[in-house]
PDB file of all heavy atoms in Angstrom:
ATOM      1  N   LEU A   1     101.024  38.365  39.188  1.00  0.00           N
ATOM      2  CA  LEU A   1     102.244  38.944  38.635  1.00  0.00           C
ATOM      3  C   LEU A   1     101.993  40.325  38.057  1.00  0.00           C
ATOM      4  O   LEU A   1     102.688  41.285  38.373  1.00  0.00           O
ATOM      5  CB  LEU A   1     102.815  38.018  37.560  1.00  0.00           C
ATOM      6  CG  LEU A   1     103.212  36.601  38.004  1.00  0.00           C
ATOM      7  CD1 LEU A   1     103.867  35.833  36.866  1.00  0.00           C
ATOM      8  CD2 LEU A   1     104.119  36.631  39.216  1.00  0.00           C
ATOM      9  N   GLY A   2     100.969  40.436  37.174  1.00  0.00           N
ATOM     10  CA  GLY A   2     100.706  41.712  36.503  1.00  0.00           C
ATOM     11  C   GLY A   2     100.350  42.838  37.460  1.00  0.00           C
ATOM     12  O   GLY A   2     100.647  44.006  37.191  1.00  0.00           O
ATOM     13  N   ILE A   3      99.691  42.507  38.572  1.00  0.00           N
ATOM     14  CA  ILE A   3      99.373  43.540  39.572  1.00  0.00           C
ATOM     15  C   ILE A   3     100.228  43.338  40.820  1.00  0.00           C
ATOM     16  O   ILE A   3     100.984  44.216  41.221  1.00  0.00           O
ATOM     17  CB  ILE A   3      97.884  43.511  39.921  1.00  0.00           C
ATOM     18  CG1 ILE A   3      97.039  43.827  38.702  1.00  0.00           C
ATOM     19  CG2 ILE A   3      97.584  44.515  41.033  1.00  0.00           C
ATOM     20  CD1 ILE A   3      95.536  43.748  38.935  1.00  0.00           C
ATOM     21  N   GLY A   4     100.144  42.165  41.452  1.00  0.00           N
ATOM     22  CA  GLY A   4     100.769  41.947  42.754  1.00  0.00           C
ATOM     23  C   GLY A   4     102.282  42.067  42.753  1.00  0.00           C
ATOM     24  O   GLY A   4     102.854  42.939  43.429  1.00  0.00           O
ATOM     25  N   LEU A   5     102.981  41.197  42.020  1.00  0.00           N
ATOM     26  CA  LEU A   5     104.447  41.218  42.041  1.00  0.00           C
ATOM     27  C   LEU A   5     104.988  42.505  41.426  1.00  0.00           C
ATOM     28  O   LEU A   5     105.939  43.111  41.935  1.00  0.00           O
ATOM     29  CB  LEU A   5     105.000  39.997  41.301  1.00  0.00           C
ATOM     30  CG  LEU A   5     106.524  39.918  41.225  1.00  0.00           C
ATOM     31  CD1 LEU A   5     107.130  39.892  42.615  1.00  0.00           C
ATOM     32  CD2 LEU A   5     106.953  38.676  40.440  1.00  0.00           C
ATOM     33  N   ALA A   6     104.389  42.952  40.326  1.00  0.00           N
ATOM     34  CA  ALA A   6     104.864  44.175  39.680  1.00  0.00           C
ATOM     35  C   ALA A   6     104.727  45.373  40.624  1.00  0.00           C
ATOM     36  O   ALA A   6     105.594  46.261  40.664  1.00  0.00           O
ATOM     37  CB  ALA A   6     104.069  44.449  38.390  1.00  0.00           C
ATOM     38  N   TYR A   7     103.673  45.408  41.422  1.00  0.00           N
ATOM     39  CA  TYR A   7     103.466  46.449  42.444  1.00  0.00           C
ATOM     40  C   TYR A   7     104.657  46.488  43.390  1.00  0.00           C
ATOM     41  O   TYR A   7     105.216  47.531  43.686  1.00  0.00           O
ATOM     42  CB  TYR A   7     102.182  46.059  43.167  1.00  0.00           C
ATOM     43  CG  TYR A   7     101.816  46.771  44.445  1.00  0.00           C
ATOM     44  CD1 TYR A   7     100.858  47.763  44.437  1.00  0.00           C
ATOM     45  CD2 TYR A   7     102.364  46.396  45.667  1.00  0.00           C
ATOM     46  CE1 TYR A   7     100.474  48.379  45.604  1.00  0.00           C
ATOM     47  CE2 TYR A   7     101.988  47.005  46.834  1.00  0.00           C
ATOM     48  CZ  TYR A   7     101.044  48.007  46.818  1.00  0.00           C
ATOM     49  OH  TYR A   7     100.682  48.613  47.977  1.00  0.00           O
ATOM     50  N   LEU A   8     105.101  45.324  43.870  1.00  0.00           N
ATOM     51  CA  LEU A   8     106.187  45.278  44.823  1.00  0.00           C
ATOM     52  C   LEU A   8     107.514  45.630  44.178  1.00  0.00           C
ATOM     53  O   LEU A   8     108.344  46.309  44.774  1.00  0.00           O
ATOM     54  CB  LEU A   8     106.233  43.873  45.453  1.00  0.00           C
ATOM     55  CG  LEU A   8     104.954  43.474  46.193  1.00  0.00           C
ATOM     56  CD1 LEU A   8     105.005  42.012  46.586  1.00  0.00           C
ATOM     57  CD2 LEU A   8     104.715  44.352  47.404  1.00  0.00           C
ATOM     58  N   LEU A   9     107.744  45.173  42.967  1.00  0.00           N
ATOM     59  CA  LEU A   9     108.989  45.506  42.265  1.00  0.00           C
ATOM     60  C   LEU A   9     109.058  47.012  41.986  1.00  0.00           C
ATOM     61  O   LEU A   9     110.131  47.636  42.081  1.00  0.00           O
ATOM     62  CB  LEU A   9     109.077  44.733  40.947  1.00  0.00           C
ATOM     63  CG  LEU A   9     109.278  43.229  41.092  1.00  0.00           C
ATOM     64  CD1 LEU A   9     109.140  42.552  39.715  1.00  0.00           C
ATOM     65  CD2 LEU A   9     110.629  42.887  41.706  1.00  0.00           C
ATOM     66  N   TRP A  10     107.914  47.603  41.632  1.00  0.00           N
ATOM     67  CA  TRP A  10     107.874  49.039  41.394  1.00  0.00           C
ATOM     68  C   TRP A  10     108.314  49.822  42.617  1.00  0.00           C
ATOM     69  O   TRP A  10     109.190  50.696  42.537  1.00  0.00           O
ATOM     70  CB  TRP A  10     106.459  49.469  40.980  1.00  0.00           C
ATOM     71  CG  TRP A  10     106.324  50.958  40.847  1.00  0.00           C
ATOM     72  CD1 TRP A  10     106.019  51.848  41.830  1.00  0.00           C
ATOM     73  CD2 TRP A  10     106.557  51.708  39.661  1.00  0.00           C
ATOM     74  NE1 TRP A  10     106.022  53.125  41.324  1.00  0.00           N
ATOM     75  CE2 TRP A  10     106.361  53.070  40.014  1.00  0.00           C
ATOM     76  CE3 TRP A  10     106.928  51.383  38.372  1.00  0.00           C
ATOM     77  CZ2 TRP A  10     106.504  54.101  39.076  1.00  0.00           C
ATOM     78  CZ3 TRP A  10     107.070  52.422  37.449  1.00  0.00           C
ATOM     79  CH2 TRP A  10     106.861  53.750  37.801  1.00  0.00           C
ATOM     80  N   TYR A  11     107.731  49.503  43.778  1.00  0.00           N
ATOM     81  CA  TYR A  11     108.068  50.269  44.983  1.00  0.00           C
ATOM     82  C   TYR A  11     109.454  50.000  45.482  1.00  0.00           C
ATOM     83  O   TYR A  11     110.082  50.870  46.115  1.00  0.00           O
ATOM     84  CB  TYR A  11     107.000  50.054  46.053  1.00  0.00           C
ATOM     85  CG  TYR A  11     105.810  50.942  45.806  1.00  0.00           C
ATOM     86  CD1 TYR A  11     104.585  50.430  45.466  1.00  0.00           C
ATOM     87  CD2 TYR A  11     105.938  52.338  45.849  1.00  0.00           C
ATOM     88  CE1 TYR A  11     103.492  51.245  45.194  1.00  0.00           C
ATOM     89  CE2 TYR A  11     104.879  53.163  45.574  1.00  0.00           C
ATOM     90  CZ  TYR A  11     103.657  52.616  45.262  1.00  0.00           C
ATOM     91  OH  TYR A  11     102.591  53.433  44.978  1.00  0.00           O
ATOM     92  N   ARG A  12     110.001  48.818  45.229  1.00  0.00           N
ATOM     93  CA  ARG A  12     111.403  48.599  45.577  1.00  0.00           C
ATOM     94  C   ARG A  12     112.291  49.489  44.711  1.00  0.00           C
ATOM     95  O   ARG A  12     113.282  50.046  45.184  1.00  0.00           O
ATOM     96  CB  ARG A  12     111.796  47.131  45.393  1.00  0.00           C
ATOM     97  CG  ARG A  12     113.209  46.840  45.914  1.00  0.00           C
ATOM     98  CD  ARG A  12     113.550  45.372  45.874  1.00  0.00           C
ATOM     99  NE  ARG A  12     113.729  44.891  44.510  1.00  0.00           N
ATOM    100  CZ  ARG A  12     114.203  43.692  44.197  1.00  0.00           C
ATOM    101  NH1 ARG A  12     114.510  42.843  45.181  1.00  0.00           N
ATOM    102  NH2 ARG A  12     114.345  43.322  42.949  1.00  0.00           N
ATOM    103  N   GLY A  13     111.950  49.616  43.424  1.00  0.00           N
ATOM    104  CA  GLY A  13     112.696  50.509  42.571  1.00  0.00           C
ATOM    105  C   GLY A  13     112.643  51.950  43.038  1.00  0.00           C
ATOM    106  O   GLY A  13     113.651  52.652  43.103  1.00  0.00           O
ATOM    107  N   VAL A  14     111.434  52.422  43.404  1.00  0.00           N
ATOM    108  CA  VAL A  14     111.276  53.785  43.894  1.00  0.00           C
ATOM    109  C   VAL A  14     112.108  53.993  45.159  1.00  0.00           C
ATOM    110  O   VAL A  14     112.743  55.042  45.338  1.00  0.00           O
ATOM    111  CB  VAL A  14     109.788  54.095  44.171  1.00  0.00           C
ATOM    112  CG1 VAL A  14     109.623  55.399  44.911  1.00  0.00           C
ATOM    113  CG2 VAL A  14     109.026  54.118  42.847  1.00  0.00           C
ATOM    114  N   ARG A  15     112.136  52.991  46.031  1.00  0.00           N
ATOM    115  CA  ARG A  15     112.890  53.112  47.289  1.00  0.00           C
ATOM    116  C   ARG A  15     114.370  53.304  47.055  1.00  0.00           C
ATOM    117  O   ARG A  15     115.008  54.116  47.727  1.00  0.00           O
ATOM    118  CB  ARG A  15     112.659  51.842  48.106  1.00  0.00           C
ATOM    119  CG  ARG A  15     113.483  51.791  49.401  1.00  0.00           C
ATOM    120  CD  ARG A  15     113.302  50.464  50.094  1.00  0.00           C
ATOM    121  NE  ARG A  15     114.116  50.373  51.282  1.00  0.00           N
ATOM    122  CZ  ARG A  15     114.267  49.258  51.997  1.00  0.00           C
ATOM    123  NH1 ARG A  15     113.648  48.146  51.631  1.00  0.00           N
ATOM    124  NH2 ARG A  15     115.035  49.244  53.066  1.00  0.00           N
ATOM    125  N   TYR A  16     114.943  52.608  46.083  1.00  0.00           N
ATOM    126  CA  TYR A  16     116.381  52.643  45.886  1.00  0.00           C
ATOM    127  C   TYR A  16     116.839  53.675  44.873  1.00  0.00           C
ATOM    128  O   TYR A  16     117.914  54.258  45.036  1.00  0.00           O
ATOM    129  CB  TYR A  16     116.899  51.268  45.458  1.00  0.00           C
ATOM    130  CG  TYR A  16     117.005  50.259  46.562  1.00  0.00           C
ATOM    131  CD1 TYR A  16     116.125  49.181  46.629  1.00  0.00           C
ATOM    132  CD2 TYR A  16     117.955  50.415  47.573  1.00  0.00           C
ATOM    133  CE1 TYR A  16     116.217  48.253  47.665  1.00  0.00           C
ATOM    134  CE2 TYR A  16     118.046  49.490  48.606  1.00  0.00           C
ATOM    135  CZ  TYR A  16     117.174  48.417  48.638  1.00  0.00           C
ATOM    136  OH  TYR A  16     117.263  47.503  49.661  1.00  0.00           O
ATOM    137  N   ILE A  17     116.077  53.926  43.814  1.00  0.00           N
ATOM    138  CA  ILE A  17     116.559  54.808  42.754  1.00  0.00           C
ATOM    139  C   ILE A  17     115.611  55.963  42.441  1.00  0.00           C
ATOM    140  O   ILE A  17     115.903  56.778  41.552  1.00  0.00           O
ATOM    141  CB  ILE A  17     116.867  54.025  41.462  1.00  0.00           C
ATOM    142  CG1 ILE A  17     115.599  53.427  40.841  1.00  0.00           C
ATOM    143  CG2 ILE A  17     117.904  52.943  41.710  1.00  0.00           C
ATOM    144  CD1 ILE A  17     115.832  52.742  39.507  1.00  0.00           C
ATOM    145  N   GLY A  18     114.486  56.080  43.153  1.00  0.00           N
ATOM    146  CA  GLY A  18     113.589  57.196  42.956  1.00  0.00           C
ATOM    147  C   GLY A  18     112.569  56.949  41.846  1.00  0.00           C
ATOM    148  O   GLY A  18     112.730  56.054  41.017  1.00  0.00           O
ATOM    149  N   ASN A  19     111.532  57.794  41.839  1.00  0.00           N
ATOM    150  CA  ASN A  19     110.431  57.619  40.884  1.00  0.00           C
ATOM    151  C   ASN A  19     110.854  57.834  39.435  1.00  0.00           C
ATOM    152  O   ASN A  19     110.444  57.099  38.534  1.00  0.00           O
ATOM    153  CB  ASN A  19     109.294  58.599  41.217  1.00  0.00           C
ATOM    154  CG  ASN A  19     108.206  57.939  42.006  1.00  0.00           C
ATOM    155  OD1 ASN A  19     108.225  56.745  42.242  1.00  0.00           O
ATOM    156  ND2 ASN A  19     107.245  58.723  42.435  1.00  0.00           N
ATOM    157  N   THR A  20     111.666  58.886  39.183  1.00  0.00           N
ATOM    158  CA  THR A  20     112.006  59.199  37.793  1.00  0.00           C
ATOM    159  C   THR A  20     112.811  58.074  37.169  1.00  0.00           C
ATOM    160  O   THR A  20     112.521  57.631  36.043  1.00  0.00           O
ATOM    161  CB  THR A  20     112.764  60.517  37.698  1.00  0.00           C
ATOM    162  OG1 THR A  20     111.907  61.576  38.104  1.00  0.00           O
ATOM    163  CG2 THR A  20     113.239  60.789  36.278  1.00  0.00           C
ATOM    164  N   ARG A  21     113.863  57.614  37.855  1.00  0.00           N
ATOM    165  CA  ARG A  21     114.669  56.528  37.296  1.00  0.00           C
ATOM    166  C   ARG A  21     113.845  55.264  37.142  1.00  0.00           C
ATOM    167  O   ARG A  21     114.007  54.526  36.155  1.00  0.00           O
ATOM    168  CB  ARG A  21     115.886  56.272  38.165  1.00  0.00           C
ATOM    169  CG  ARG A  21     116.916  57.407  38.139  1.00  0.00           C
ATOM    170  CD  ARG A  21     118.180  57.001  38.883  1.00  0.00           C
ATOM    171  NE  ARG A  21     119.195  58.052  38.816  1.00  0.00           N
ATOM    172  CZ  ARG A  21     119.385  58.961  39.774  1.00  0.00           C
ATOM    173  NH1 ARG A  21     118.628  58.972  40.835  1.00  0.00           N
ATOM    174  NH2 ARG A  21     120.321  59.874  39.653  1.00  0.00           N
ATOM    175  N   THR A  22     112.979  55.000  38.097  1.00  0.00           N
ATOM    176  CA  THR A  22     112.098  53.807  37.989  1.00  0.00           C
ATOM    177  C   THR A  22     111.157  53.967  36.810  1.00  0.00           C
ATOM    178  O   THR A  22     110.942  53.020  36.044  1.00  0.00           O
ATOM    179  CB  THR A  22     111.298  53.634  39.282  1.00  0.00           C
ATOM    180  OG1 THR A  22     112.214  53.446  40.378  1.00  0.00           O
ATOM    181  CG2 THR A  22     110.397  52.405  39.195  1.00  0.00           C
ATOM    182  N   ALA A  23     110.592  55.172  36.641  1.00  0.00           N
ATOM    183  CA  ALA A  23     109.623  55.399  35.569  1.00  0.00           C
ATOM    184  C   ALA A  23     110.221  55.265  34.187  1.00  0.00           C
ATOM    185  O   ALA A  23     109.515  54.928  33.229  1.00  0.00           O
ATOM    186  CB  ALA A  23     108.969  56.772  35.719  1.00  0.00           C
ATOM    187  N   THR A  24     111.535  55.516  34.036  1.00  0.00           N
ATOM    188  CA  THR A  24     112.142  55.374  32.731  1.00  0.00           C
ATOM    189  C   THR A  24     112.027  53.956  32.198  1.00  0.00           C
ATOM    190  O   THR A  24     111.985  53.750  30.978  1.00  0.00           O
ATOM    191  CB  THR A  24     113.616  55.814  32.745  1.00  0.00           C
ATOM    192  OG1 THR A  24     114.329  55.011  33.698  1.00  0.00           O
ATOM    193  CG2 THR A  24     113.754  57.285  33.081  1.00  0.00           C
ATOM    194  N   TYR A  25     111.984  53.000  33.075  1.00  0.00           N
ATOM    195  CA  TYR A  25     111.803  51.609  32.650  1.00  0.00           C
ATOM    196  C   TYR A  25     110.455  51.423  31.976  1.00  0.00           C
ATOM    197  O   TYR A  25     110.277  50.539  31.151  1.00  0.00           O
ATOM    198  CB  TYR A  25     111.952  50.656  33.828  1.00  0.00           C
ATOM    199  CG  TYR A  25     113.369  50.391  34.258  1.00  0.00           C
ATOM    200  CD1 TYR A  25     114.001  51.226  35.162  1.00  0.00           C
ATOM    201  CD2 TYR A  25     114.077  49.311  33.757  1.00  0.00           C
ATOM    202  CE1 TYR A  25     115.313  50.998  35.562  1.00  0.00           C
ATOM    203  CE2 TYR A  25     115.395  49.070  34.143  1.00  0.00           C
ATOM    204  CZ  TYR A  25     115.999  49.923  35.044  1.00  0.00           C
ATOM    205  OH  TYR A  25     117.304  49.688  35.421  1.00  0.00           O
TER     206      TYR A  25
END
């Protein structure tokens, strides 16, 4: 979860809303 699932959730966020909006989380 801490590495594997979070990795996938991060890149899904980048795909849909971009790095900056994802990074604000």
